Amino acid sequence: MLSHLDICVIFDLDGTLVDSEGLCNQAFLDLLPQLSDTVESLIQQYRGKKLAPILADLEGRLCQNLPDDFEQHYRQRVTELFSRELKPMPGVVEMLEATNFSRCIASSGPPLKIRQALQVSGLAPYFGESIFSSYEVGSWKPEPGLFQFAANAMGFRPGQCVVVEDSDVGIEAATAAGMQAFQYVRKGETSSCRSIVRFDDMSQLPKLLAHFAGIAKF
């Protein structure tokens, strides 16, 4: 195990630590059968984005308003899918076991969804109460506010933090916050962000973090 060094690793949750993107978008297809998209195409369109603009986009594409209680039904459907099918991303448990840096979650999801995802996937013990939600902070990616709040709450300066994200908007937020960003891009997928450290296997992350810890400016 790598020894503790004075850096903080800020993890995104959906699509980075837990394999939830497919389930979240499957819920749209379950509730809106008139959509002709595949789960994969919806993931590419909506990865990392706030729910409100996603729902607005769906209304525009369907040329109709969604029911007033659609968000409630959507949240319920996601909860059902998570409870049955949610798992950690491949290699995440081994990666967390192999590192001993300060770490936290900074997610755009509501707190209850974050905690359910961590419990169901078995990742909750690795983070304790170090969980930060856009809904509590009032800042959504690509704004830097969530990451800045998380760093401050954890007791670290931006230059001591590395953000691990899968979404382009998350990478934009990390860069705007003045933090090093590592983007997890699953094999076969692409990213539009440039000049960013990318990796496609969680087993690569401990070495990347150790290298950052050796060069981080304190």
C-alpha atoms as a PDB file:
ATOM      1  CA  MET A   1       0.000   0.000   0.000  1.00  0.00           C
ATOM      2  CA  LEU A   2       1.195   3.488  -0.804  1.00  0.00           C
ATOM      3  CA  SER A   3       1.992   5.565   2.258  1.00  0.00           C
ATOM      4  CA  HIS A   4      -0.086   8.605   3.155  1.00  0.00           C
ATOM      5  CA  LEU A   5       1.079  11.794   1.482  1.00  0.00           C
ATOM      6  CA  ASP A   6      -0.301  15.270   1.910  1.00  0.00           C
ATOM      7  CA  ILE A   7      -2.598  15.422  -1.110  1.00  0.00           C
ATOM      8  CA  CYS A   8      -6.352  15.071  -1.467  1.00  0.00           C
ATOM      9  CA  VAL A   9      -7.999  12.958  -4.173  1.00  0.00           C
ATOM     10  CA  ILE A  10     -11.463  14.245  -5.083  1.00  0.00           C
ATOM     11  CA  PHE A  11     -13.469  11.538  -6.829  1.00  0.00           C
ATOM     12  CA  ASP A  12     -16.493  11.956  -9.033  1.00  0.00           C
ATOM     13  CA  LEU A  13     -18.972   9.131  -8.406  1.00  0.00           C
ATOM     14  CA  ASP A  14     -21.194   8.256 -11.379  1.00  0.00           C
ATOM     15  CA  GLY A  15     -19.231   6.612 -14.161  1.00  0.00           C
ATOM     16  CA  THR A  16     -15.977   6.989 -12.235  1.00  0.00           C
ATOM     17  CA  LEU A  17     -16.344   4.902  -9.082  1.00  0.00           C
ATOM     18  CA  VAL A  18     -19.698   3.220  -9.742  1.00  0.00           C
ATOM     19  CA  ASP A  19     -21.077   1.858 -13.005  1.00  0.00           C
ATOM     20  CA  SER A  20     -24.228   3.955 -12.810  1.00  0.00           C
ATOM     21  CA  GLU A  21     -24.371   5.911 -16.071  1.00  0.00           C
ATOM     22  CA  GLY A  22     -26.091   3.092 -17.931  1.00  0.00           C
ATOM     23  CA  LEU A  23     -28.676   2.611 -15.178  1.00  0.00           C
ATOM     24  CA  CYS A  24     -29.452   6.337 -14.936  1.00  0.00           C
ATOM     25  CA  ASN A  25     -30.056   6.546 -18.667  1.00  0.00           C
ATOM     26  CA  GLN A  26     -31.940   3.247 -18.798  1.00  0.00           C
ATOM     27  CA  ALA A  27     -34.413   4.909 -16.433  1.00  0.00           C
ATOM     28  CA  PHE A  28     -35.134   7.544 -19.097  1.00  0.00           C
ATOM     29  CA  LEU A  29     -35.832   4.821 -21.667  1.00  0.00           C
ATOM     30  CA  ASP A  30     -38.040   2.914 -19.226  1.00  0.00           C
ATOM     31  CA  LEU A  31     -40.152   6.005 -18.487  1.00  0.00           C
ATOM     32  CA  LEU A  32     -40.091   7.501 -22.002  1.00  0.00           C
ATOM     33  CA  PRO A  33     -40.572   4.583 -24.424  1.00  0.00           C
ATOM     34  CA  GLN A  34     -41.037   7.034 -27.299  1.00  0.00           C
ATOM     35  CA  LEU A  35     -37.304   7.807 -27.166  1.00  0.00           C
ATOM     36  CA  SER A  36     -35.433   6.036 -29.966  1.00  0.00           C
ATOM     37  CA  ASP A  37     -31.982   6.478 -28.419  1.00  0.00           C
ATOM     38  CA  THR A  38     -29.764   3.728 -27.081  1.00  0.00           C
ATOM     39  CA  VAL A  39     -28.420   3.780 -23.539  1.00  0.00           C
ATOM     40  CA  GLU A  40     -24.940   4.365 -24.975  1.00  0.00           C
ATOM     41  CA  SER A  41     -25.991   7.415 -26.995  1.00  0.00           C
ATOM     42  CA  LEU A  42     -27.729   8.955 -23.975  1.00  0.00           C
ATOM     43  CA  ILE A  43     -24.612   8.418 -21.860  1.00  0.00           C
ATOM     44  CA  GLN A  44     -22.523  10.284 -24.418  1.00  0.00           C
ATOM     45  CA  GLN A  45     -25.005  13.176 -24.546  1.00  0.00           C
ATOM     46  CA  TYR A  46     -25.716  13.582 -20.853  1.00  0.00           C
ATOM     47  CA  ARG A  47     -22.613  12.405 -18.998  1.00  0.00           C
ATOM     48  CA  GLY A  48     -21.899  14.602 -15.986  1.00  0.00           C
ATOM     49  CA  LYS A  49     -24.679  17.093 -16.695  1.00  0.00           C
ATOM     50  CA  LYS A  50     -27.243  18.492 -14.273  1.00  0.00           C
ATOM     51  CA  LEU A  51     -30.660  16.814 -14.384  1.00  0.00           C
ATOM     52  CA  ALA A  52     -32.674  20.006 -15.053  1.00  0.00           C
ATOM     53  CA  PRO A  53     -31.076  20.782 -18.447  1.00  0.00           C
ATOM     54  CA  ILE A  54     -31.260  17.092 -19.356  1.00  0.00           C
ATOM     55  CA  LEU A  55     -35.014  17.117 -18.756  1.00  0.00           C
ATOM     56  CA  ALA A  56     -35.329  20.352 -20.740  1.00  0.00           C
ATOM     57  CA  ASP A  57     -33.438  18.748 -23.624  1.00  0.00           C
ATOM     58  CA  LEU A  58     -35.693  15.696 -23.507  1.00  0.00           C
ATOM     59  CA  GLU A  59     -38.760  17.940 -23.657  1.00  0.00           C
ATOM     60  CA  GLY A  60     -37.355  19.719 -26.693  1.00  0.00           C
ATOM     61  CA  ARG A  61     -36.593  16.466 -28.476  1.00  0.00           C
ATOM     62  CA  LEU A  62     -40.000  14.968 -27.671  1.00  0.00           C
ATOM     63  CA  CYS A  63     -41.800  18.250 -28.453  1.00  0.00           C
ATOM     64  CA  GLN A  64     -43.848  17.930 -25.300  1.00  0.00           C
ATOM     65  CA  ASN A  65     -43.679  18.865 -21.640  1.00  0.00           C
ATOM     66  CA  LEU A  66     -42.813  16.147 -19.192  1.00  0.00           C
ATOM     67  CA  PRO A  67     -45.322  15.512 -16.378  1.00  0.00           C
ATOM     68  CA  ASP A  68     -44.837  17.631 -13.255  1.00  0.00           C
ATOM     69  CA  ASP A  69     -43.971  14.524 -11.247  1.00  0.00           C
ATOM     70  CA  PHE A  70     -41.549  13.106 -13.841  1.00  0.00           C
ATOM     71  CA  GLU A  71     -38.437  13.872 -11.780  1.00  0.00           C
ATOM     72  CA  GLN A  72     -39.930  12.073  -8.792  1.00  0.00           C
ATOM     73  CA  HIS A  73     -40.725   8.988 -10.905  1.00  0.00           C
ATOM     74  CA  TYR A  74     -37.276   9.178 -12.499  1.00  0.00           C
ATOM     75  CA  ARG A  75     -35.545   9.255  -9.106  1.00  0.00           C
ATOM     76  CA  GLN A  76     -37.653   6.305  -7.950  1.00  0.00           C
ATOM     77  CA  ARG A  77     -36.772   4.288 -11.055  1.00  0.00           C
ATOM     78  CA  VAL A  78     -33.049   5.006 -10.621  1.00  0.00           C
ATOM     79  CA  THR A  79     -33.277   3.916  -6.979  1.00  0.00           C
ATOM     80  CA  GLU A  80     -34.898   0.632  -8.061  1.00  0.00           C
ATOM     81  CA  LEU A  81     -32.242  -0.042 -10.696  1.00  0.00           C
ATOM     82  CA  PHE A  82     -29.404   0.863  -8.315  1.00  0.00           C
ATOM     83  CA  SER A  83     -30.722  -1.474  -5.606  1.00  0.00           C
ATOM     84  CA  ARG A  84     -30.674  -4.432  -8.015  1.00  0.00           C
ATOM     85  CA  GLU A  85     -27.804  -3.782 -10.383  1.00  0.00           C
ATOM     86  CA  LEU A  86     -25.310  -1.128  -9.240  1.00  0.00           C
ATOM     87  CA  LYS A  87     -21.693  -2.253  -8.999  1.00  0.00           C
ATOM     88  CA  PRO A  88     -18.308  -0.533  -8.641  1.00  0.00           C
ATOM     89  CA  MET A  89     -16.435   0.217 -11.841  1.00  0.00           C
ATOM     90  CA  PRO A  90     -13.908  -2.521 -12.671  1.00  0.00           C
ATOM     91  CA  GLY A  91     -10.794  -2.292 -10.520  1.00  0.00           C
ATOM     92  CA  VAL A  92     -12.091   0.444  -8.206  1.00  0.00           C
ATOM     93  CA  VAL A  93     -11.980  -1.585  -4.974  1.00  0.00           C
ATOM     94  CA  GLU A  94      -8.436  -2.732  -5.701  1.00  0.00           C
ATOM     95  CA  MET A  95      -7.420   0.850  -6.528  1.00  0.00           C
ATOM     96  CA  LEU A  96      -8.854   2.180  -3.268  1.00  0.00           C
ATOM     97  CA  GLU A  97      -7.129  -0.590  -1.307  1.00  0.00           C
ATOM     98  CA  ALA A  98      -3.814   0.277  -2.966  1.00  0.00           C
ATOM     99  CA  THR A  99      -3.871   3.963  -2.033  1.00  0.00           C
ATOM    100  CA  ASN A 100      -3.918   5.762   1.289  1.00  0.00           C
ATOM    101  CA  PHE A 101      -4.336   9.409   0.328  1.00  0.00           C
ATOM    102  CA  SER A 102      -6.971  11.700   1.808  1.00  0.00           C
ATOM    103  CA  ARG A 103     -10.030  11.296  -0.399  1.00  0.00           C
ATOM    104  CA  CYS A 104     -13.596  12.392  -0.781  1.00  0.00           C
ATOM    105  CA  ILE A 105     -16.572  12.275  -3.149  1.00  0.00           C
ATOM    106  CA  ALA A 106     -17.738  15.386  -5.029  1.00  0.00           C
ATOM    107  CA  SER A 107     -20.824  14.531  -7.060  1.00  0.00           C
ATOM    108  CA  SER A 108     -23.559  16.437  -8.873  1.00  0.00           C
ATOM    109  CA  GLY A 109     -26.104  13.935  -7.555  1.00  0.00           C
ATOM    110  CA  PRO A 110     -28.407  14.473  -4.561  1.00  0.00           C
ATOM    111  CA  PRO A 111     -26.970  13.343  -1.188  1.00  0.00           C
ATOM    112  CA  LEU A 112     -29.422  10.434  -0.808  1.00  0.00           C
ATOM    113  CA  LYS A 113     -28.507   9.094  -4.254  1.00  0.00           C
ATOM    114  CA  ILE A 114     -24.785   9.380  -3.468  1.00  0.00           C
ATOM    115  CA  ARG A 115     -25.155   7.514  -0.190  1.00  0.00           C
ATOM    116  CA  GLN A 116     -27.330   4.804  -1.724  1.00  0.00           C
ATOM    117  CA  ALA A 117     -24.819   4.275  -4.511  1.00  0.00           C
ATOM    118  CA  LEU A 118     -21.933   3.971  -2.062  1.00  0.00           C
ATOM    119  CA  GLN A 119     -23.850   1.573   0.190  1.00  0.00           C
ATOM    120  CA  VAL A 120     -25.121  -0.699  -2.595  1.00  0.00           C
ATOM    121  CA  SER A 121     -21.721  -0.832  -4.310  1.00  0.00           C
ATOM    122  CA  GLY A 122     -19.866  -1.518  -1.057  1.00  0.00           C
ATOM    123  CA  LEU A 123     -17.727   1.627  -1.344  1.00  0.00           C
ATOM    124  CA  ALA A 124     -19.173   3.545   1.626  1.00  0.00           C
ATOM    125  CA  PRO A 125     -16.446   2.451   4.114  1.00  0.00           C
ATOM    126  CA  TYR A 126     -13.753   4.012   1.927  1.00  0.00           C
ATOM    127  CA  PHE A 127     -15.221   7.526   2.215  1.00  0.00           C
ATOM    128  CA  GLY A 128     -17.060   7.801   5.538  1.00  0.00           C
ATOM    129  CA  GLU A 129     -18.623  11.247   5.801  1.00  0.00           C
ATOM    130  CA  SER A 130     -16.304  12.833   3.216  1.00  0.00           C
ATOM    131  CA  ILE A 131     -19.123  13.288   0.702  1.00  0.00           C
ATOM    132  CA  PHE A 132     -20.023  16.544  -1.047  1.00  0.00           C
ATOM    133  CA  SER A 133     -23.051  17.154  -3.259  1.00  0.00           C
ATOM    134  CA  SER A 134     -23.850  19.953  -5.689  1.00  0.00           C
ATOM    135  CA  TYR A 135     -27.313  20.052  -4.137  1.00  0.00           C
ATOM    136  CA  GLU A 136     -25.809  21.020  -0.776  1.00  0.00           C
ATOM    137  CA  VAL A 137     -23.160  23.388  -2.138  1.00  0.00           C
ATOM    138  CA  GLY A 138     -25.327  25.070  -4.801  1.00  0.00           C
ATOM    139  CA  SER A 139     -22.741  24.722  -7.573  1.00  0.00           C
ATOM    140  CA  TRP A 140     -22.838  22.361 -10.533  1.00  0.00           C
ATOM    141  CA  LYS A 141     -20.044  21.288 -12.858  1.00  0.00           C
ATOM    142  CA  PRO A 142     -18.551  22.857 -15.007  1.00  0.00           C
ATOM    143  CA  GLU A 143     -18.574  25.529 -12.283  1.00  0.00           C
ATOM    144  CA  PRO A 144     -15.591  25.048  -9.935  1.00  0.00           C
ATOM    145  CA  GLY A 145     -17.546  25.677  -6.723  1.00  0.00           C
ATOM    146  CA  LEU A 146     -18.172  22.052  -5.724  1.00  0.00           C
ATOM    147  CA  PHE A 147     -14.507  21.080  -5.986  1.00  0.00           C
ATOM    148  CA  GLN A 148     -13.392  24.266  -4.233  1.00  0.00           C
ATOM    149  CA  PHE A 149     -15.822  23.604  -1.382  1.00  0.00           C
ATOM    150  CA  ALA A 150     -14.674  19.976  -1.065  1.00  0.00           C
ATOM    151  CA  ALA A 151     -10.987  20.941  -0.963  1.00  0.00           C
ATOM    152  CA  ASN A 152     -11.601  23.590   1.681  1.00  0.00           C
ATOM    153  CA  ALA A 153     -13.696  21.235   3.810  1.00  0.00           C
ATOM    154  CA  MET A 154     -10.964  18.581   3.582  1.00  0.00           C
ATOM    155  CA  GLY A 155      -8.307  21.139   4.570  1.00  0.00           C
ATOM    156  CA  PHE A 156      -6.384  21.292   1.290  1.00  0.00           C
ATOM    157  CA  ARG A 157      -5.430  24.009  -1.162  1.00  0.00           C
ATOM    158  CA  PRO A 158      -6.275  23.580  -4.868  1.00  0.00           C
ATOM    159  CA  GLY A 159      -2.647  22.830  -5.741  1.00  0.00           C
ATOM    160  CA  GLN A 160      -2.728  19.864  -3.348  1.00  0.00           C
ATOM    161  CA  CYS A 161      -5.802  18.309  -4.977  1.00  0.00           C
ATOM    162  CA  VAL A 162      -6.269  15.942  -7.866  1.00  0.00           C
ATOM    163  CA  VAL A 163      -9.734  15.368  -9.319  1.00  0.00           C
ATOM    164  CA  VAL A 164     -10.623  11.987 -10.830  1.00  0.00           C
ATOM    165  CA  GLU A 165     -13.491  12.387 -13.293  1.00  0.00           C
ATOM    166  CA  ASP A 166     -15.027  10.695 -16.306  1.00  0.00           C
ATOM    167  CA  SER A 167     -17.046  13.613 -17.706  1.00  0.00           C
ATOM    168  CA  ASP A 168     -15.795  16.533 -19.768  1.00  0.00           C
ATOM    169  CA  VAL A 169     -17.806  18.981 -17.642  1.00  0.00           C
ATOM    170  CA  GLY A 170     -16.138  17.584 -14.542  1.00  0.00           C
ATOM    171  CA  ILE A 171     -12.709  18.058 -16.077  1.00  0.00           C
ATOM    172  CA  GLU A 172     -13.634  21.657 -16.944  1.00  0.00           C
ATOM    173  CA  ALA A 173     -14.687  22.230 -13.335  1.00  0.00           C
ATOM    174  CA  ALA A 174     -11.438  20.790 -11.978  1.00  0.00           C
ATOM    175  CA  THR A 175      -9.358  22.939 -14.301  1.00  0.00           C
ATOM    176  CA  ALA A 176     -11.348  26.043 -13.351  1.00  0.00           C
ATOM    177  CA  ALA A 177     -10.743  25.198  -9.681  1.00  0.00           C
ATOM    178  CA  GLY A 178      -6.981  25.145 -10.261  1.00  0.00           C
ATOM    179  CA  MET A 179      -6.660  21.419  -9.609  1.00  0.00           C
ATOM    180  CA  GLN A 180      -4.891  18.603 -11.425  1.00  0.00           C
ATOM    181  CA  ALA A 181      -7.408  16.483 -13.338  1.00  0.00           C
ATOM    182  CA  PHE A 182      -7.175  12.805 -14.272  1.00  0.00           C
ATOM    183  CA  GLN A 183      -9.886  11.646 -16.677  1.00  0.00           C
ATOM    184  CA  TYR A 184     -11.099   8.072 -16.666  1.00  0.00           C
ATOM    185  CA  VAL A 185     -12.053   7.214 -20.250  1.00  0.00           C
ATOM    186  CA  ARG A 186     -13.380   3.711 -20.753  1.00  0.00           C
ATOM    187  CA  LYS A 187     -11.855   1.771 -23.615  1.00  0.00           C
ATOM    188  CA  GLY A 188     -13.595   2.573 -26.875  1.00  0.00           C
ATOM    189  CA  GLU A 189     -14.866   5.954 -25.668  1.00  0.00           C
ATOM    190  CA  THR A 190     -13.516   9.405 -26.481  1.00  0.00           C
ATOM    191  CA  SER A 191     -13.086  12.770 -24.779  1.00  0.00           C
ATOM    192  CA  SER A 192     -13.085  16.283 -26.191  1.00  0.00           C
ATOM    193  CA  CYS A 193     -10.874  17.682 -23.412  1.00  0.00           C
ATOM    194  CA  ARG A 194      -7.309  18.441 -24.389  1.00  0.00           C
ATOM    195  CA  SER A 195      -4.025  18.404 -22.472  1.00  0.00           C
ATOM    196  CA  ILE A 196      -5.499  16.234 -19.738  1.00  0.00           C
ATOM    197  CA  VAL A 197      -4.016  13.116 -18.169  1.00  0.00           C
ATOM    198  CA  ARG A 198      -6.231  10.215 -19.239  1.00  0.00           C
ATOM    199  CA  PHE A 199      -6.303   6.596 -18.145  1.00  0.00           C
ATOM    200  CA  ASP A 200      -8.519   3.650 -19.090  1.00  0.00           C
ATOM    201  CA  ASP A 201      -7.779   1.181 -16.290  1.00  0.00           C
ATOM    202  CA  MET A 202      -8.193   1.847 -12.563  1.00  0.00           C
ATOM    203  CA  SER A 203      -5.008  -0.125 -11.869  1.00  0.00           C
ATOM    204  CA  GLN A 204      -3.113   2.768 -13.492  1.00  0.00           C
ATOM    205  CA  LEU A 205      -4.408   5.349 -11.029  1.00  0.00           C
ATOM    206  CA  PRO A 206      -2.269   4.602  -7.925  1.00  0.00           C
ATOM    207  CA  LYS A 207       0.908   5.266  -9.891  1.00  0.00           C
ATOM    208  CA  LEU A 208      -0.522   8.488 -11.359  1.00  0.00           C
ATOM    209  CA  LEU A 209      -1.498   9.675  -7.873  1.00  0.00           C
ATOM    210  CA  ALA A 210       1.904   8.801  -6.433  1.00  0.00           C
ATOM    211  CA  HIS A 211       3.576  10.792  -9.197  1.00  0.00           C
ATOM    212  CA  PHE A 212       1.320  13.775  -8.530  1.00  0.00           C
ATOM    213  CA  ALA A 213       2.051  13.558  -4.805  1.00  0.00           C
ATOM    214  CA  GLY A 214       5.754  13.783  -5.598  1.00  0.00           C
ATOM    215  CA  ILE A 215       5.415  16.965  -7.649  1.00  0.00           C
ATOM    216  CA  ALA A 216       2.445  18.721  -5.993  1.00  0.00           C
ATOM    217  CA  LYS A 217       3.212  22.268  -4.875  1.00  0.00           C
ATOM    218  CA  PHE A 218       2.523  22.804  -1.202  1.00  0.00           C
END
